[in-house]
Amino acid sequence: MASLLLWFCEPQEFDDHELGQLPQAEQLSFSVTPNSDQPNVVSFENTTDKPGVVTWKFGNGASGQGQTATAEYPFAGSYDVTMTLATSGGHATTTKTIEVAEDDLSLLQNPLYTALTGGADNPEGKTWVFDQYHEGHFGVGPVDGMSPDWWEAGPNDKLESALYDNKFTFKQVGVELIWENNGWIYTNEAGKNDLANQGYTNAVVPPAADFNVEYTPNESYTFNLITSDSTLILSDGAFLGHYAGTSEYKILSISENEMYLRAESTVESGNAWYYRFVPEDQNIKPQVPLKAEPLSEDFEEDQPSVVFEKEAMGPRTDASYQNPAPFDGNTSDNVFLYERPDGEFYSNVYYLAEDYKFDLSTQNKITMQVYMPSYNDYTTENNVAGSWITNNQLQASVAVKLQNSDLGGDAYTTQTEILETGVETGTWVELTFDFSHVSDREDYDKIVIQFGTEGHDGGGIFFFDNFEFHE
C-alpha cells in the first residue's frame, strides 16, 4: 500500500497544469505582428504552451486581456509590451520592446479624437468642464453596473467645492492635455486618505461636504485614446478633477457638445463614478424666467391646484382632511393635516415652482390660517440632531422658508426663513409672512412650510388652510 501511494505521488503528477503550478517567465512567449497595411497597428498573440488568463500592457498607456490583442501606436518610438500569464498557482510576466519607425497620424483621424479635441485643425484644442447646471453631471453606482444607481448630483450640487474649478483642454496635435484647477481638487474620504499617502495632505471640508485637497497639476500631460473600446487614459497619474485613484475612463458617449464618462474607483472597492462634461463655452447657466404667479389653495378639491410635496412626513399627512375645528373664522370643510412624525429631525412640506423663479419684486407675501392643537406634547424634552440645536421641545410654531432648489441638499444655505413662535393653541390663527425685505432676490423657486421647529425628534399634529402667495 505504501509503495502504491508513493507511485501515485510521483513528481510528474505535479507538472500537470491542472494542479496550478506557478508559471515561470522563461516559459512565456508571444508574437508581434504589425498590420501589413498599417504597421503602427500591431497584433499580439500568446504563444506560451501553458494555459491561463492573459493580460497585456502595451507600453502606450493601454491594456488588454485575451489570448490575442491589438494596439495602436500613432507615434514613432520604443514601446515595452508586457504580457502576464495567470494560473491558479500564480502569475509570471514577460516583456518585449517593439520599435515603431514612423508616426502614423491617420490613427488620430478618428471621430473619437475629433470629438474630444476638436481635430488636428484646432491647434488650441478643446476645453471641457463639468456640466454643472444640469442634473446627473456627477454620480456614483455599483461597479458591476453601468449607471449611477446610488446617487446623482443635481444642478450646481457641488457649487461650493473645487469640482467646478477644474477644466481640461485636449489637443490632438501632440496628444497633449492641459489641466487647470486653481490649485485644488475634489474627493471623498477614501480619496483624501489615498492622496495623503502620496504627500497631498492639505485637505479642507467645503460647504458642499466631502473634501477639497490642495493639488497642483503638471504643466501638461499626454493622453491615450483607445478607439477600439473607447477608453481614455491620462498620463502621469492625471485625473478629471474628482479623485477616485484612477487615470482610466470609459467614454460611454461623446459628441461635439457633450462627453459622458465612467471610471472604476481604485480607492473604494465596488464604486464606479460617472462624469458629464460640456465644452467650456457651452457651460452657460440656463435662463429661468421670473414670474409673479399668484398661488391660492383651500384644499376643498380632490385635485389641488397647489401641490405640496412631503419630506420625512408622517403617514397621517393629508391634503384634504376634515376640518377639526370648523369655527373661529374657518368653517371650511377640508384642511391640510400636517403630521410631524416621532424620530424625524427635519420634516416639512414644500411647493416647487415648475420652470420659473419667483418674482418677489411685487409678489412677496404668504398668508395662511394655522391651527395648533392643544393636545400636542409641548413639554417633553426630545433628542436633537446635534449640539447646535438649542431647542429640544415641540413648539406651537410654523416656519415658512424660500429656497433655491438648484442647490439641491444645500438649498438651506441661501434660504430666507420667517418663523412664527408661540402661536395660540386650540383656535385658528391667520398669519402673514412678509418677504418684501428680499424682494430683489431672483433665485427662489421653492416654498417650505415647517411646523413644530426643526432639529428635535418630537412628533405632533398641526393643520393649515387657505394658503395664498400674493402681492
Protein backbone atom coordinates (compact mmCIF):
# COMPACT_ATOMS: atom_id res chain seq x y z
CA MET A 1 0.00 0.00 0.00
CA ALA A 2 2.83 2.39 0.91
CA SER A 3 4.58 1.75 -2.41
CA LEU A 4 1.32 2.35 -4.26
CA LEU A 5 0.89 5.73 -2.54
CA LEU A 6 4.44 6.71 -3.45
CA TRP A 7 3.83 5.73 -7.07
CA PHE A 8 0.70 7.90 -7.29
CA CYS A 9 2.63 10.89 -5.90
CA GLU A 10 5.49 10.80 -8.39
CA PRO A 11 6.78 14.32 -9.25
CA GLN A 12 5.50 14.16 -12.81
CA GLU A 13 1.97 14.26 -11.40
CA PHE A 14 2.59 17.82 -10.15
CA ASP A 15 3.76 19.02 -13.58
CA ASP A 16 0.19 18.86 -14.81
CA HIS A 17 -1.14 22.40 -15.37
CA GLU A 18 -4.45 21.38 -13.83
CA LEU A 19 -2.79 21.46 -10.43
CA GLY A 20 -1.94 25.16 -10.96
CA GLN A 21 1.85 25.08 -10.84
CA LEU A 22 3.44 28.56 -10.72
CA PRO A 23 4.39 29.59 -14.28
CA GLN A 24 7.95 30.74 -14.97
CA ALA A 25 8.87 33.83 -17.00
CA GLU A 26 11.12 31.78 -19.31
CA GLN A 27 8.15 29.63 -20.26
CA LEU A 28 6.25 32.64 -21.62
CA SER A 29 6.33 33.89 -25.19
CA PHE A 30 4.20 35.98 -27.53
CA SER A 31 4.29 37.02 -31.16
CA VAL A 32 4.35 40.58 -32.51
CA THR A 33 2.74 41.16 -35.93
CA PRO A 34 2.42 44.66 -37.42
CA ASN A 35 -0.52 45.09 -39.75
CA SER A 36 0.70 44.78 -43.33
CA ASP A 37 -1.33 47.79 -44.48
CA GLN A 38 -0.81 49.89 -41.36
CA PRO A 39 2.31 48.85 -39.42
CA ASN A 40 1.52 51.17 -36.50
CA VAL A 41 -1.38 48.85 -35.70
CA VAL A 42 0.21 45.80 -34.04
CA SER A 43 -1.32 42.44 -33.18
CA PHE A 44 -0.07 40.31 -30.28
CA GLU A 45 -0.69 36.63 -29.64
CA ASN A 46 0.19 34.47 -26.67
CA THR A 47 2.32 31.55 -27.90
CA THR A 48 3.04 30.03 -24.50
CA ASP A 49 2.49 26.28 -24.28
CA LYS A 50 0.71 26.67 -20.97
CA PRO A 51 -2.96 27.59 -20.34
CA GLY A 52 -4.00 30.54 -18.23
CA VAL A 53 -5.52 34.02 -18.27
CA VAL A 54 -3.52 36.50 -20.34
CA THR A 55 -3.40 40.25 -19.76
CA TRP A 56 -1.42 42.89 -21.66
CA LYS A 57 0.18 46.26 -21.13
CA PHE A 58 1.03 47.77 -24.49
CA GLY A 59 3.50 50.43 -23.40
CA ASN A 60 1.29 53.23 -24.75
CA GLY A 61 -0.87 53.53 -21.64
CA ALA A 62 -3.40 50.99 -22.85
CA SER A 63 -4.03 47.48 -21.58
CA GLY A 64 -5.97 44.44 -22.71
CA GLN A 65 -6.94 40.88 -21.97
CA GLY A 66 -7.17 37.70 -24.01
CA GLN A 67 -5.01 35.29 -25.98
CA THR A 68 -4.81 37.86 -28.77
CA ALA A 69 -4.88 41.64 -28.65
CA THR A 70 -4.29 44.66 -30.86
CA ALA A 71 -2.78 48.06 -30.03
CA GLU A 72 -2.36 51.31 -31.96
CA TYR A 73 0.79 53.44 -31.94
CA PRO A 74 0.24 56.79 -33.66
CA PHE A 75 3.76 57.98 -32.81
CA ALA A 76 7.20 56.57 -33.56
CA GLY A 77 9.21 55.30 -30.62
CA SER A 78 10.14 52.34 -28.46
CA TYR A 79 7.37 50.65 -26.51
CA ASP A 80 7.73 47.99 -23.81
CA VAL A 81 4.93 45.45 -24.20
CA THR A 82 4.30 43.20 -21.21
CA MET A 83 2.29 40.00 -21.21
CA THR A 84 1.18 38.41 -17.93
CA LEU A 85 0.01 34.81 -17.67
CA ALA A 86 -2.03 33.95 -14.58
CA THR A 87 -2.87 30.43 -13.40
CA SER A 88 -4.30 29.15 -10.16
CA GLY A 89 -0.72 28.71 -8.98
CA GLY A 90 0.32 32.30 -9.56
CA HIS A 91 1.43 34.53 -12.41
CA ALA A 92 4.51 35.44 -14.44
CA THR A 93 5.34 38.20 -16.91
CA THR A 94 7.49 38.67 -19.94
CA THR A 95 8.32 41.90 -21.79
CA LYS A 96 9.36 42.72 -25.33
CA THR A 97 10.39 46.09 -26.69
CA ILE A 98 8.90 46.95 -30.06
CA GLU A 99 10.08 49.71 -32.36
CA VAL A 100 7.63 51.90 -34.24
CA ALA A 101 9.58 53.51 -37.06
CA GLU A 102 7.35 56.40 -38.14
CA ASP A 103 4.39 58.44 -36.99
CA ASP A 104 1.00 57.47 -38.35
CA LEU A 105 -1.22 60.41 -37.55
CA SER A 106 -4.05 58.86 -39.54
CA LEU A 107 -4.74 56.84 -36.40
CA LEU A 108 -5.76 60.11 -34.81
CA GLN A 109 -8.28 60.85 -37.57
CA ASN A 110 -10.96 59.05 -35.67
CA PRO A 111 -14.35 60.51 -34.73
CA LEU A 112 -13.46 59.99 -31.06
CA TYR A 113 -10.30 62.10 -31.37
CA THR A 114 -12.16 64.77 -33.32
CA ALA A 115 -14.97 64.99 -30.77
CA LEU A 116 -12.53 65.05 -27.86
CA THR A 117 -10.00 67.55 -29.21
CA GLY A 118 -11.73 69.45 -31.99
CA GLY A 119 -9.44 67.76 -34.54
CA ALA A 120 -5.99 68.39 -35.98
CA ASP A 121 -7.14 71.70 -37.49
CA ASN A 122 -7.79 73.05 -33.99
CA PRO A 123 -4.27 73.53 -32.54
CA GLU A 124 -5.61 75.23 -29.39
CA GLY A 125 -7.58 72.11 -28.55
CA LYS A 126 -10.97 71.74 -26.93
CA THR A 127 -11.67 72.63 -23.30
CA TRP A 128 -14.13 70.57 -21.27
CA VAL A 129 -15.74 71.38 -17.90
CA PHE A 130 -18.35 69.72 -15.71
CA ASP A 131 -21.90 70.20 -16.95
CA GLN A 132 -22.70 71.78 -13.61
CA TYR A 133 -26.06 73.37 -14.44
CA HIS A 134 -27.79 70.12 -15.31
CA GLU A 135 -28.78 67.13 -13.23
CA GLY A 136 -26.63 64.00 -13.42
CA HIS A 137 -23.27 65.59 -14.26
CA PHE A 138 -21.65 63.70 -11.36
CA GLY A 139 -22.75 60.40 -9.84
CA VAL A 140 -21.87 57.02 -8.41
CA GLY A 141 -23.16 53.48 -8.78
CA PRO A 142 -22.10 49.85 -8.29
CA VAL A 143 -19.03 48.73 -10.18
CA ASP A 144 -20.94 45.82 -11.69
CA GLY A 145 -23.49 48.20 -13.23
CA MET A 146 -23.37 50.81 -15.95
CA SER A 147 -25.35 53.69 -14.44
CA PRO A 148 -25.18 55.92 -11.32
CA ASP A 149 -27.86 54.00 -9.46
CA TRP A 150 -26.81 55.15 -5.99
CA TRP A 151 -26.64 58.92 -6.37
CA GLU A 152 -26.57 61.73 -8.96
CA ALA A 153 -25.75 65.39 -8.40
CA GLY A 154 -28.43 67.98 -9.00
CA PRO A 155 -27.76 71.24 -10.84
CA ASN A 156 -24.89 73.11 -9.15
CA ASP A 157 -24.92 70.49 -6.37
CA LYS A 158 -21.16 70.88 -5.81
CA LEU A 159 -21.00 74.62 -6.38
CA GLU A 160 -19.26 75.27 -3.07
CA SER A 161 -16.40 72.87 -3.73
CA ALA A 162 -13.37 72.73 -6.01
CA LEU A 163 -15.02 70.38 -8.50
CA TYR A 164 -16.22 73.03 -10.95
CA ASP A 165 -12.84 74.84 -10.89
CA ASN A 166 -11.30 72.03 -12.92
CA LYS A 167 -11.07 72.30 -16.69
CA PHE A 168 -9.33 70.13 -19.26
CA THR A 169 -8.01 71.10 -22.69
CA PHE A 170 -7.36 68.17 -25.04
CA LYS A 171 -5.16 68.84 -28.08
CA GLN A 172 -4.88 66.37 -30.92
CA VAL A 173 -1.54 67.76 -32.05
CA GLY A 174 0.94 66.16 -29.66
CA VAL A 175 -1.97 64.39 -27.87
CA GLU A 176 -1.48 66.95 -25.11
CA LEU A 177 -3.67 67.59 -22.09
CA ILE A 178 -3.65 70.89 -20.17
CA TRP A 179 -5.30 70.64 -16.75
CA GLU A 180 -6.20 73.79 -14.80
CA ASN A 181 -7.74 73.64 -11.34
CA ASN A 182 -6.92 76.74 -9.25
CA GLY A 183 -4.75 74.52 -7.05
CA TRP A 184 -7.47 72.23 -5.65
CA ILE A 185 -9.32 69.01 -6.50
CA TYR A 186 -12.38 67.33 -5.00
CA THR A 187 -12.70 63.87 -3.47
CA ASN A 188 -14.31 61.86 -0.69
CA GLU A 189 -12.71 60.47 2.46
CA ALA A 190 -11.24 57.39 0.75
CA GLY A 191 -9.69 59.59 -1.93
CA LYS A 192 -8.41 62.09 0.64
CA ASN A 193 -6.67 59.34 2.59
CA ASP A 194 -5.08 57.89 -0.54
CA LEU A 195 -3.81 61.31 -1.63
CA ALA A 196 -2.41 61.91 1.86
CA ASN A 197 -0.32 58.75 1.47
CA GLN A 198 1.12 60.34 -1.67
CA GLY A 199 2.01 63.55 0.17
CA TYR A 200 -1.08 65.66 -0.62
CA THR A 201 -2.03 66.31 2.99
CA ASN A 202 -3.71 69.73 2.88
CA ALA A 203 -7.44 68.94 2.87
CA VAL A 204 -10.42 71.07 3.88
CA VAL A 205 -14.15 70.41 4.11
CA PRO A 206 -16.07 72.75 1.76
CA PRO A 207 -19.73 73.72 2.29
CA ALA A 208 -20.62 71.08 -0.33
CA ALA A 209 -19.18 68.39 2.03
CA ASP A 210 -16.51 65.75 1.38
CA PHE A 211 -13.06 67.27 0.76
CA ASN A 212 -11.10 69.78 -1.27
CA VAL A 213 -7.46 68.71 -1.45
CA GLU A 214 -4.64 71.03 -2.47
CA TYR A 215 -3.22 69.61 -5.70
CA THR A 216 -1.25 71.41 -8.40
CA PRO A 217 -1.27 69.64 -11.79
CA ASN A 218 1.77 69.28 -14.02
CA GLU A 219 2.31 71.90 -16.68
CA SER A 220 0.98 69.41 -19.22
CA TYR A 221 0.14 65.75 -19.70
CA THR A 222 -0.43 63.40 -22.60
CA PHE A 223 -3.38 61.12 -23.16
CA ASN A 224 -4.09 57.91 -24.99
CA LEU A 225 -7.42 57.24 -26.64
CA ILE A 226 -8.08 53.57 -27.33
CA THR A 227 -10.59 53.83 -30.14
CA SER A 228 -11.37 50.11 -30.24
CA ASP A 229 -13.10 50.22 -26.86
CA SER A 230 -13.48 53.99 -26.28
CA THR A 231 -11.06 54.15 -23.37
CA LEU A 232 -9.36 57.41 -22.39
CA ILE A 233 -6.11 57.10 -20.41
CA LEU A 234 -4.34 60.13 -18.91
CA SER A 235 -0.60 60.14 -18.31
CA ASP A 236 1.37 60.61 -15.08
CA GLY A 237 -1.48 59.98 -12.69
CA ALA A 238 -3.70 62.78 -14.01
CA PHE A 239 -7.44 62.58 -13.28
CA LEU A 240 -10.53 64.57 -14.17
CA GLY A 241 -10.92 66.82 -11.14
CA HIS A 242 -12.53 64.22 -8.88
CA TYR A 243 -10.00 61.80 -7.40
CA ALA A 244 -11.00 58.12 -7.43
CA GLY A 245 -7.49 56.69 -7.74
CA THR A 246 -7.60 56.08 -11.49
CA SER A 247 -6.45 57.74 -14.70
CA GLU A 248 -8.53 55.48 -16.94
CA TYR A 249 -12.01 56.43 -18.17
CA LYS A 250 -14.52 54.65 -20.36
CA ILE A 251 -16.23 57.01 -22.80
CA LEU A 252 -19.88 56.00 -22.65
CA SER A 253 -20.91 58.66 -25.15
CA ILE A 254 -19.31 61.64 -26.83
CA SER A 255 -20.44 64.26 -29.31
CA GLU A 256 -19.43 67.75 -30.28
CA ASN A 257 -21.38 69.13 -27.31
CA GLU A 258 -21.23 66.51 -24.55
CA MET A 259 -19.00 63.79 -23.11
CA TYR A 260 -20.16 61.18 -20.57
CA LEU A 261 -17.53 59.06 -18.82
CA ARG A 262 -17.31 56.17 -16.37
CA ALA A 263 -14.39 55.39 -14.05
CA GLU A 264 -13.91 52.47 -11.67
CA SER A 265 -12.54 53.61 -8.32
CA THR A 266 -9.32 52.05 -7.09
CA VAL A 267 -9.65 53.54 -3.59
CA GLU A 268 -13.15 52.18 -2.90
CA SER A 269 -13.99 48.63 -3.87
CA GLY A 270 -17.32 48.38 -5.62
CA ASN A 271 -17.71 52.02 -6.75
CA ALA A 272 -17.99 53.35 -10.29
CA TRP A 273 -18.11 57.12 -10.83
CA TYR A 274 -19.82 58.97 -13.67
CA TYR A 275 -18.96 62.39 -15.11
CA ARG A 276 -20.65 64.51 -17.75
CA PHE A 277 -18.64 67.30 -19.38
CA VAL A 278 -19.52 70.01 -21.85
CA PRO A 279 -17.30 72.42 -23.84
CA GLU A 280 -16.38 75.39 -21.67
CA ASP A 281 -18.12 77.89 -23.94
CA GLN A 282 -21.37 75.95 -23.60
CA ASN A 283 -21.37 75.79 -19.81
CA ILE A 284 -23.98 78.52 -19.51
CA LYS A 285 -26.45 78.82 -16.67
CA PRO A 286 -29.97 78.30 -18.04
CA GLN A 287 -32.07 81.42 -18.07
CA VAL A 288 -35.10 80.64 -15.93
CA PRO A 289 -37.88 83.24 -16.27
CA LEU A 290 -39.15 85.28 -13.33
CA LYS A 291 -42.88 85.13 -12.72
CA ALA A 292 -45.27 86.73 -10.29
CA GLU A 293 -47.62 83.75 -10.26
CA PRO A 294 -50.29 84.08 -7.54
CA LEU A 295 -50.92 80.84 -5.66
CA SER A 296 -54.07 80.05 -3.74
CA GLU A 297 -55.27 76.77 -2.21
CA ASP A 298 -58.16 75.99 0.17
CA PHE A 299 -57.85 72.16 -0.03
CA GLU A 300 -61.55 71.70 -0.85
CA GLU A 301 -60.98 69.95 -4.20
CA ASP A 302 -59.78 66.38 -4.73
CA GLN A 303 -57.13 67.71 -7.12
CA PRO A 304 -55.50 70.77 -5.50
CA SER A 305 -54.03 73.45 -7.74
CA VAL A 306 -51.12 73.97 -5.34
CA VAL A 307 -49.50 70.62 -4.61
CA PHE A 308 -47.32 70.35 -1.52
CA GLU A 309 -44.73 67.58 -1.62
CA LYS A 310 -43.81 65.73 1.58
CA GLU A 311 -40.35 65.34 3.09
CA ALA A 312 -39.97 62.93 6.04
CA MET A 313 -43.65 63.42 6.95
CA GLY A 314 -45.89 61.10 8.96
CA PRO A 315 -48.42 58.74 7.33
CA ARG A 316 -51.44 60.75 8.53
CA THR A 317 -50.39 63.76 6.47
CA ASP A 318 -53.36 64.56 4.24
CA ALA A 319 -54.04 67.46 1.87
CA SER A 320 -57.82 67.05 2.20
CA TYR A 321 -58.66 66.31 5.85
CA GLN A 322 -61.90 67.15 7.64
CA ASN A 323 -61.59 70.45 9.47
CA PRO A 324 -61.04 69.52 13.18
CA ALA A 325 -62.39 72.89 14.39
CA PRO A 326 -64.89 74.40 11.91
CA PHE A 327 -65.31 77.65 13.81
CA ASP A 328 -63.29 80.71 14.89
CA GLY A 329 -63.08 82.16 11.42
CA ASN A 330 -62.54 78.96 9.45
CA THR A 331 -65.67 77.00 8.68
CA SER A 332 -64.30 75.23 5.60
CA ASP A 333 -64.89 71.50 5.24
CA ASN A 334 -61.34 70.40 4.49
CA VAL A 335 -57.86 71.49 5.57
CA PHE A 336 -54.28 70.21 5.31
CA LEU A 337 -53.30 67.81 8.12
CA TYR A 338 -49.56 68.03 8.81
CA GLU A 339 -48.10 65.17 10.85
CA ARG A 340 -44.62 65.69 12.17
CA PRO A 341 -43.58 62.08 12.98
CA ASP A 342 -41.65 60.94 16.04
CA GLY A 343 -38.00 60.28 15.30
CA GLU A 344 -37.57 62.81 12.46
CA PHE A 345 -35.43 65.92 12.94
CA TYR A 346 -36.28 67.73 9.70
CA SER A 347 -39.76 67.09 8.31
CA ASN A 348 -41.66 69.57 6.14
CA VAL A 349 -43.90 70.07 3.14
CA TYR A 350 -42.91 72.18 0.17
CA TYR A 351 -44.14 73.67 -3.09
CA LEU A 352 -41.72 73.80 -6.03
CA ALA A 353 -42.35 76.15 -8.95
CA GLU A 354 -42.11 74.48 -12.33
CA ASP A 355 -39.66 76.09 -14.75
CA TYR A 356 -39.68 79.56 -13.23
CA LYS A 357 -38.36 81.61 -10.31
CA PHE A 358 -40.46 83.75 -8.01
CA ASP A 359 -40.63 87.43 -8.95
CA LEU A 360 -40.60 88.87 -5.44
CA SER A 361 -40.46 92.49 -6.57
CA THR A 362 -44.23 92.75 -6.09
CA GLN A 363 -45.49 89.31 -5.04
CA ASN A 364 -43.72 88.66 -1.74
CA LYS A 365 -46.26 87.74 0.96
CA ILE A 366 -47.56 84.35 2.07
CA THR A 367 -50.74 84.15 4.15
CA MET A 368 -52.37 81.07 5.66
CA GLN A 369 -54.51 80.00 8.56
CA VAL A 370 -52.97 77.61 11.08
CA TYR A 371 -54.38 75.50 13.90
CA MET A 372 -52.10 74.34 16.73
CA PRO A 373 -53.84 71.56 18.71
CA SER A 374 -53.53 71.88 22.48
CA TYR A 375 -53.26 68.10 22.79
CA ASN A 376 -49.72 68.04 21.31
CA ASP A 377 -46.94 67.36 23.82
CA TYR A 378 -45.15 70.71 24.05
CA THR A 379 -43.25 69.94 27.28
CA THR A 380 -41.22 66.76 26.74
CA GLU A 381 -37.51 67.25 26.02
CA ASN A 382 -36.64 65.34 22.85
CA ASN A 383 -33.48 64.11 21.15
CA VAL A 384 -31.74 66.69 18.96
CA ALA A 385 -29.83 66.45 15.69
CA GLY A 386 -26.69 67.97 17.18
CA SER A 387 -25.20 70.32 19.75
CA TRP A 388 -26.10 73.32 17.58
CA ILE A 389 -29.82 72.75 18.25
CA THR A 390 -30.83 74.96 21.18
CA ASN A 391 -34.50 73.92 21.40
CA ASN A 392 -35.46 70.32 22.15
CA GLN A 393 -39.23 70.71 22.66
CA LEU A 394 -42.10 70.65 20.19
CA GLN A 395 -43.26 74.22 19.64
CA ALA A 396 -46.58 75.80 18.68
CA SER A 397 -44.77 77.34 15.75
CA VAL A 398 -44.59 77.46 11.98
CA ALA A 399 -41.75 78.50 9.71
CA VAL A 400 -42.02 79.49 6.05
CA LYS A 401 -38.82 79.39 4.01
CA LEU A 402 -37.96 80.47 0.49
CA GLN A 403 -35.21 78.38 -1.12
CA ASN A 404 -33.31 77.90 -4.37
CA SER A 405 -33.89 74.32 -5.49
CA ASP A 406 -30.89 74.46 -7.84
CA LEU A 407 -28.71 73.92 -4.77
CA GLY A 408 -30.27 70.54 -4.00
CA GLY A 409 -29.46 69.44 -0.46
CA ASP A 410 -27.62 72.71 0.17
CA ALA A 411 -30.69 74.87 -0.53
CA TYR A 412 -30.93 75.81 3.14
CA THR A 413 -27.58 77.62 2.94
CA THR A 414 -29.07 80.55 0.98
CA GLN A 415 -32.66 80.39 2.23
CA THR A 416 -34.74 83.16 3.79
CA GLU A 417 -36.82 81.98 6.76
CA ILE A 418 -39.60 83.62 8.75
CA LEU A 419 -40.54 81.81 11.97
CA GLU A 420 -43.70 82.45 13.97
CA THR A 421 -43.47 81.02 17.51
CA GLY A 422 -45.81 81.00 20.47
CA VAL A 423 -48.87 80.73 18.26
CA GLU A 424 -52.09 80.41 20.25
CA THR A 425 -53.32 76.81 20.51
CA GLY A 426 -56.85 75.44 20.12
CA THR A 427 -58.01 78.06 17.61
CA TRP A 428 -57.50 79.08 14.01
CA VAL A 429 -54.97 81.88 13.61
CA GLU A 430 -54.23 83.78 10.38
CA LEU A 431 -50.55 84.51 9.78
CA THR A 432 -48.81 86.55 7.09
CA PHE A 433 -45.15 86.01 6.23
CA ASP A 434 -43.75 89.14 4.63
CA PHE A 435 -40.72 88.57 2.38
CA SER A 436 -40.59 92.11 0.99
CA HIS A 437 -37.14 92.56 2.58
CA VAL A 438 -35.74 90.11 -0.01
CA SER A 439 -37.75 91.46 -2.95
CA ASP A 440 -34.55 91.75 -5.00
CA ARG A 441 -33.79 88.00 -4.83
CA GLU A 442 -34.28 86.22 -8.15
CA ASP A 443 -33.11 82.69 -7.27
CA TYR A 444 -36.00 81.38 -5.16
CA ASP A 445 -38.42 78.80 -6.56
CA LYS A 446 -39.35 76.72 -3.51
CA ILE A 447 -41.68 77.39 -0.55
CA VAL A 448 -41.07 75.24 2.54
CA ILE A 449 -43.60 75.02 5.40
CA GLN A 450 -42.37 73.53 8.67
CA PHE A 451 -44.35 73.19 11.92
CA GLY A 452 -43.04 72.50 15.41
CA THR A 453 -39.46 73.84 14.85
CA GLU A 454 -36.71 71.69 13.39
CA GLY A 455 -33.77 69.83 14.86
CA HIS A 456 -35.53 67.71 17.51
CA ASP A 457 -37.37 64.42 17.02
CA GLY A 458 -40.63 65.15 18.85
CA GLY A 459 -43.84 64.45 16.93
CA GLY A 460 -47.10 66.33 16.66
CA ILE A 461 -50.20 67.12 14.59
CA PHE A 462 -50.84 70.53 13.01
CA PHE A 463 -53.28 71.96 10.46
CA PHE A 464 -53.19 74.76 7.91
CA ASP A 465 -55.67 76.14 5.40
CA ASN A 466 -56.38 78.93 2.90
CA PHE A 467 -52.80 79.24 1.68
CA GLU A 468 -52.04 82.26 -0.50
CA PHE A 469 -48.87 83.62 -2.15
CA HIS A 470 -49.80 87.17 -3.12
CA GLU A 471 -48.75 90.81 -3.52
